[in-house]
C-alpha atoms as a PDB file:
ATOM      1  CA  MET A   1      -2.638 -10.551  -1.835  1.00  0.00           C
ATOM      2  CA  SER A   2      -2.915 -10.636   2.097  1.00  0.00           C
ATOM      3  CA  SER A   3      -5.617 -12.677   3.899  1.00  0.00           C
ATOM      4  CA  ASN A   4      -7.682  -9.443   5.157  1.00  0.00           C
ATOM      5  CA  GLN A   5      -7.118  -7.873   1.572  1.00  0.00           C
ATOM      6  CA  THR A   6     -10.784  -7.200  -0.145  1.00  0.00           C
ATOM      7  CA  PRO A   7     -11.347  -9.061  -3.041  1.00  0.00           C
ATOM      8  CA  PRO A   8      -9.988  -7.939  -6.263  1.00  0.00           C
ATOM      9  CA  GLU A   9     -12.206  -5.351  -8.042  1.00  0.00           C
ATOM     10  CA  THR A  10     -12.550  -5.512 -11.650  1.00  0.00           C
ATOM     11  CA  SER A  11     -11.188  -2.734 -14.001  1.00  0.00           C
ATOM     12  CA  ASP A  12     -14.868  -2.294 -15.114  1.00  0.00           C
ATOM     13  CA  SER A  13     -16.125  -1.764 -11.655  1.00  0.00           C
ATOM     14  CA  TRP A  14     -13.446   0.699 -10.450  1.00  0.00           C
ATOM     15  CA  CYS A  15     -13.515   2.509 -13.763  1.00  0.00           C
ATOM     16  CA  ARG A  16     -17.308   2.797 -13.866  1.00  0.00           C
ATOM     17  CA  LYS A  17     -17.228   4.273 -10.428  1.00  0.00           C
ATOM     18  CA  SER A  18     -14.571   6.837 -10.953  1.00  0.00           C
ATOM     19  CA  GLY A  19     -16.208   7.921 -14.609  1.00  0.00           C
ATOM     20  CA  ARG A  20     -12.964   6.541 -16.204  1.00  0.00           C
ATOM     21  CA  ARG A  21     -12.806   4.594 -19.578  1.00  0.00           C
ATOM     22  CA  ASN A  22     -12.045   0.819 -19.092  1.00  0.00           C
ATOM     23  CA  THR A  23      -9.054   0.518 -21.366  1.00  0.00           C
ATOM     24  CA  PRO A  24      -7.320  -2.699 -22.192  1.00  0.00           C
ATOM     25  CA  SER A  25      -4.278  -1.357 -20.169  1.00  0.00           C
ATOM     26  CA  ARG A  26      -6.195  -0.849 -17.257  1.00  0.00           C
ATOM     27  CA  LYS A  27      -7.974  -3.937 -17.230  1.00  0.00           C
ATOM     28  CA  GLU A  28      -4.564  -5.916 -17.526  1.00  0.00           C
ATOM     29  CA  LEU A  29      -3.037  -3.696 -14.913  1.00  0.00           C
ATOM     30  CA  THR A  30      -5.970  -4.330 -12.407  1.00  0.00           C
ATOM     31  CA  MET A  31      -5.379  -8.041 -12.817  1.00  0.00           C
ATOM     32  CA  ILE A  32      -1.752  -7.834 -12.299  1.00  0.00           C
ATOM     33  CA  VAL A  33      -2.154  -5.555  -9.225  1.00  0.00           C
ATOM     34  CA  SER A  34      -4.534  -7.823  -7.728  1.00  0.00           C
ATOM     35  CA  THR A  35      -1.736 -10.539  -7.664  1.00  0.00           C
ATOM     36  CA  MET A  36       0.934  -8.044  -6.069  1.00  0.00           C
ATOM     37  CA  PRO A  37       1.923  -8.342  -2.472  1.00  0.00           C
ATOM     38  CA  ASP A  38       1.472  -5.537   0.126  1.00  0.00           C
ATOM     39  CA  TYR A  39       3.635  -3.465  -0.371  1.00  0.00           C
ATOM     40  CA  PHE A  40       4.663  -2.538  -3.858  1.00  0.00           C
ATOM     41  CA  ASP A  41       5.970   0.579  -5.834  1.00  0.00           C
ATOM     42  CA  ALA A  42       5.261   1.619  -9.491  1.00  0.00           C
ATOM     43  CA  GLU A  43       8.672   0.106 -10.509  1.00  0.00           C
ATOM     44  CA  GLN A  44       7.993  -3.248  -9.164  1.00  0.00           C
ATOM     45  CA  LEU A  45       4.433  -3.485 -10.841  1.00  0.00           C
ATOM     46  CA  LEU A  46       6.046  -2.292 -14.048  1.00  0.00           C
ATOM     47  CA  GLU A  47       8.457  -5.205 -13.894  1.00  0.00           C
ATOM     48  CA  GLN A  48       5.552  -7.610 -12.956  1.00  0.00           C
ATOM     49  CA  CYS A  49       3.681  -6.423 -16.060  1.00  0.00           C
ATOM     50  CA  ARG A  50       6.735  -7.086 -18.232  1.00  0.00           C
ATOM     51  CA  LYS A  51       7.307 -10.281 -16.711  1.00  0.00           C
ATOM     52  CA  GLN A  52       3.663 -11.386 -17.693  1.00  0.00           C
ATOM     53  CA  GLY A  53       4.136 -10.039 -21.150  1.00  0.00           C
ATOM     54  CA  MET A  54       2.055  -6.812 -20.901  1.00  0.00           C
ATOM     55  CA  GLN A  55       3.087  -4.010 -23.375  1.00  0.00           C
ATOM     56  CA  VAL A  56       2.415  -1.034 -20.887  1.00  0.00           C
ATOM     57  CA  SER A  57       4.315   2.326 -20.622  1.00  0.00           C
ATOM     58  CA  ARG A  58       5.766   3.364 -17.456  1.00  0.00           C
ATOM     59  CA  ALA A  59       3.655   6.627 -17.957  1.00  0.00           C
ATOM     60  CA  THR A  60       0.740   4.321 -18.033  1.00  0.00           C
ATOM     61  CA  VAL A  61       1.478   2.668 -14.783  1.00  0.00           C
ATOM     62  CA  TYR A  62       2.475   5.956 -12.992  1.00  0.00           C
ATOM     63  CA  ARG A  63      -0.825   7.484 -14.130  1.00  0.00           C
ATOM     64  CA  THR A  64      -3.004   4.261 -13.349  1.00  0.00           C
ATOM     65  CA  LEU A  65      -1.750   3.948  -9.464  1.00  0.00           C
ATOM     66  CA  PRO A  66      -3.311   6.962  -8.150  1.00  0.00           C
ATOM     67  CA  LEU A  67      -6.402   6.315  -9.982  1.00  0.00           C
ATOM     68  CA  LEU A  68      -6.644   2.985  -8.242  1.00  0.00           C
ATOM     69  CA  CYS A  69      -5.919   4.738  -5.037  1.00  0.00           C
ATOM     70  CA  GLN A  70      -8.753   7.394  -5.752  1.00  0.00           C
ATOM     71  CA  ALA A  71     -11.213   4.434  -6.593  1.00  0.00           C
ATOM     72  CA  GLY A  72     -10.427   2.726  -3.250  1.00  0.00           C
ATOM     73  CA  VAL A  73      -8.689  -0.438  -4.731  1.00  0.00           C
ATOM     74  CA  LEU A  74      -5.505   0.514  -3.428  1.00  0.00           C
ATOM     75  CA  ARG A  75      -3.914   2.912  -0.630  1.00  0.00           C
ATOM     76  CA  VAL A  76      -0.648   4.673  -1.217  1.00  0.00           C
ATOM     77  CA  THR A  77       1.895   5.435   1.380  1.00  0.00           C
ATOM     78  CA  ALA A  78       4.344   8.454   0.950  1.00  0.00           C
ATOM     79  CA  PHE A  79       7.641   8.327   2.611  1.00  0.00           C
ATOM     80  CA  ASP A  80       9.940  11.183   3.330  1.00  0.00           C
ATOM     81  CA  ASN A  81      12.577   9.849   0.840  1.00  0.00           C
ATOM     82  CA  GLY A  82       9.979  10.357  -1.870  1.00  0.00           C
ATOM     83  CA  ARG A  83       9.172   6.714  -2.455  1.00  0.00           C
ATOM     84  CA  HIS A  84       5.555   5.687  -2.837  1.00  0.00           C
ATOM     85  CA  LEU A  85       4.366   2.179  -2.008  1.00  0.00           C
ATOM     86  CA  TYR A  86       0.752   0.891  -2.851  1.00  0.00           C
ATOM     87  CA  ALA A  87      -1.114  -1.759  -0.730  1.00  0.00           C
ATOM     88  CA  HIS A  88      -4.264  -3.171  -1.382  1.00  0.00           C
ATOM     89  CA  ARG A  89      -7.259  -2.003   0.739  1.00  0.00           C
ATOM     90  CA  SER A  90      -7.942  -4.054   3.780  1.00  0.00           C
ATOM     91  CA  SER A  91     -11.292  -5.715   4.102  1.00  0.00           C
ATOM     92  CA  ASP A  92     -11.412  -4.861   7.870  1.00  0.00           C
ATOM     93  CA  ASP A  93     -11.208  -1.376   9.393  1.00  0.00           C
ATOM     94  CA  THR A  94      -8.718  -1.959  12.105  1.00  0.00           C
ATOM     95  CA  PRO A  95      -6.168   0.903  11.672  1.00  0.00           C
ATOM     96  CA  GLN A  96      -2.517  -0.301  11.386  1.00  0.00           C
ATOM     97  CA  ALA A  97       0.804   1.268  12.008  1.00  0.00           C
ATOM     98  CA  GLU A  98       3.641   0.879   9.466  1.00  0.00           C
ATOM     99  CA  ILE A  99       6.980   0.584  10.521  1.00  0.00           C
ATOM    100  CA  TYR A 100       9.405   1.316   7.597  1.00  0.00           C
ATOM    101  CA  ILE A 101      12.887  -0.090   8.357  1.00  0.00           C
ATOM    102  CA  VAL A 102      15.444   2.502   6.743  1.00  0.00           C
ATOM    103  CA  ASP A 103      18.166   0.273   6.551  1.00  0.00           C
ATOM    104  CA  CYS A 104      16.591  -2.218   3.939  1.00  0.00           C
ATOM    105  CA  GLY A 105      13.244  -0.762   3.030  1.00  0.00           C
ATOM    106  CA  LYS A 106      11.062  -3.510   4.573  1.00  0.00           C
ATOM    107  CA  VAL A 107       7.576  -2.396   5.637  1.00  0.00           C
ATOM    108  CA  LEU A 108       6.322  -4.061   8.714  1.00  0.00           C
ATOM    109  CA  VAL A 109       2.607  -3.720   9.697  1.00  0.00           C
ATOM    110  CA  ALA A 110       1.203  -3.960  12.989  1.00  0.00           C
ATOM    111  CA  PRO A 111      -2.388  -3.736  14.249  1.00  0.00           C
ATOM    112  CA  ALA A 112      -3.154  -0.370  15.886  1.00  0.00           C
ATOM    113  CA  PRO A 113      -6.509  -0.383  17.122  1.00  0.00           C
ATOM    114  CA  PHE A 114      -6.103   2.824  19.472  1.00  0.00           C
ATOM    115  CA  LEU A 115      -5.228   5.013  16.461  1.00  0.00           C
ATOM    116  CA  ALA A 116      -8.925   5.536  15.347  1.00  0.00           C
ATOM    117  CA  ARG A 117     -10.187   6.455  18.776  1.00  0.00           C
ATOM    118  CA  TYR A 118      -7.203   8.610  19.308  1.00  0.00           C
ATOM    119  CA  ALA A 119      -7.447  10.427  15.843  1.00  0.00           C
ATOM    120  CA  LYS A 120     -11.092  11.093  16.355  1.00  0.00           C
ATOM    121  CA  SER A 121     -10.445  12.402  20.108  1.00  0.00           C
ATOM    122  CA  VAL A 122      -7.900  14.771  19.031  1.00  0.00           C
ATOM    123  CA  THR A 123      -9.762  16.074  15.970  1.00  0.00           C
ATOM    124  CA  ALA A 124     -12.993  16.560  17.947  1.00  0.00           C
ATOM    125  CA  LYS A 125     -11.119  18.565  20.525  1.00  0.00           C
ATOM    126  CA  ALA A 126     -10.017  20.811  17.796  1.00  0.00           C
ATOM    127  CA  GLY A 127     -13.280  21.021  16.378  1.00  0.00           C
ATOM    128  CA  LEU A 128     -12.471  19.259  13.304  1.00  0.00           C
ATOM    129  CA  GLU A 129     -14.153  16.339  11.121  1.00  0.00           C
ATOM    130  CA  LEU A 130     -11.576  13.358  10.896  1.00  0.00           C
ATOM    131  CA  VAL A 131     -10.930  12.302   7.281  1.00  0.00           C
ATOM    132  CA  SER A 132      -8.285   9.925   7.898  1.00  0.00           C
ATOM    133  CA  GLN A 133      -5.376   8.694  10.057  1.00  0.00           C
ATOM    134  CA  ARG A 134      -2.024   6.982   9.599  1.00  0.00           C
ATOM    135  CA  LEU A 135       0.940   6.042  11.796  1.00  0.00           C
ATOM    136  CA  GLN A 136       4.082   5.817  10.181  1.00  0.00           C
ATOM    137  CA  THR A 137       7.153   4.989  12.408  1.00  0.00           C
ATOM    138  CA  PHE A 138      10.835   4.910  10.844  1.00  0.00           C
ATOM    139  CA  ALA A 139      13.357   2.509  12.592  1.00  0.00           C
ATOM    140  CA  ARG A 140      16.620   1.395  12.039  1.00  0.00           C
ATOM    141  CA  CYS A 141      17.652  -2.420  12.608  1.00  0.00           C
ATOM    142  CA  PRO A 142      20.405  -2.676  15.289  1.00  0.00           C
ATOM    143  CA  LYS A 143      21.406  -5.806  13.578  1.00  0.00           C
ATOM    144  CA  HIS A 144      21.655  -4.535   9.963  1.00  0.00           C
ATOM    145  CA  ASN A 145      25.326  -4.429   9.773  1.00  0.00           C
ATOM    146  CA  THR A 146      25.941  -7.747  11.055  1.00  0.00           C
ATOM    147  CA  ASP A 147      23.330 -10.052   9.371  1.00  0.00           C
ATOM    148  CA  ALA A 148      21.962  -8.017   6.351  1.00  0.00           C
ATOM    149  CA  CYS A 149      18.295  -7.913   8.004  1.00  0.00           C
ATOM    150  CA  SER A 150      17.845 -11.589   8.589  1.00  0.00           C
ATOM    151  CA  SER A 151      16.836 -10.703  11.977  1.00  0.00           C
ATOM    152  CA  CYS A 152      13.820  -8.434  11.010  1.00  0.00           C
ATOM    153  CA  ARG A 153      11.355 -10.991  12.148  1.00  0.00           C
ATOM    154  CA  PRO A 154       8.584  -8.710  13.811  1.00  0.00           C
ATOM    155  CA  THR A 155       6.703 -10.049  16.884  1.00  0.00           C
ATOM    156  CA  LEU A 156       3.991  -7.416  16.456  1.00  0.00           C
ATOM    157  CA  ALA A 157       3.550  -7.347  12.714  1.00  0.00           C
ATOM    158  CA  THR A 158       0.751  -9.092  11.040  1.00  0.00           C
ATOM    159  CA  SER A 159       2.429  -8.760   7.673  1.00  0.00           C
ATOM    160  CA  GLU A 160       5.862  -7.866   6.245  1.00  0.00           C
ATOM    161  CA  THR A 161       7.084  -6.755   3.205  1.00  0.00           C
ATOM    162  CA  SER A 162      10.436  -6.198   1.629  1.00  0.00           C
ATOM    163  CA  ALA A 163       9.645  -3.105  -0.866  1.00  0.00           C
END
């Protein structure tokens, strides 16, 4: 759990908000999700569930993650390669740029306070109402072939995750 992540939400809380039943599987999954690092995918969550002795199906994990996103517990980032990574909602509203390193799959996160202002400005000029904004950058590590990404230490990023 990152330092600016919102406190873990209980399954009872998010299920009630979204009109869902609070099943034993959702309770356990919610507890395990709260221990996951930013960023993780469904398979990593499933692996963690099994490590902790939880008997959960792959289908339950894949069905629950979108519900956690709809309830505001998690946010999802979809990449062009079809991969979906989940992250905890941040407790602050500072927009972030996500830098996806295509060589190793790491995601670096850098503060991007300009993003909200820019997004509001361009949508207003188009006569539209802003719903959300996202900045994703895809990068290749120039040293990837020589040191297997051990040099991927961002100077701008506030967090990094090997996903």
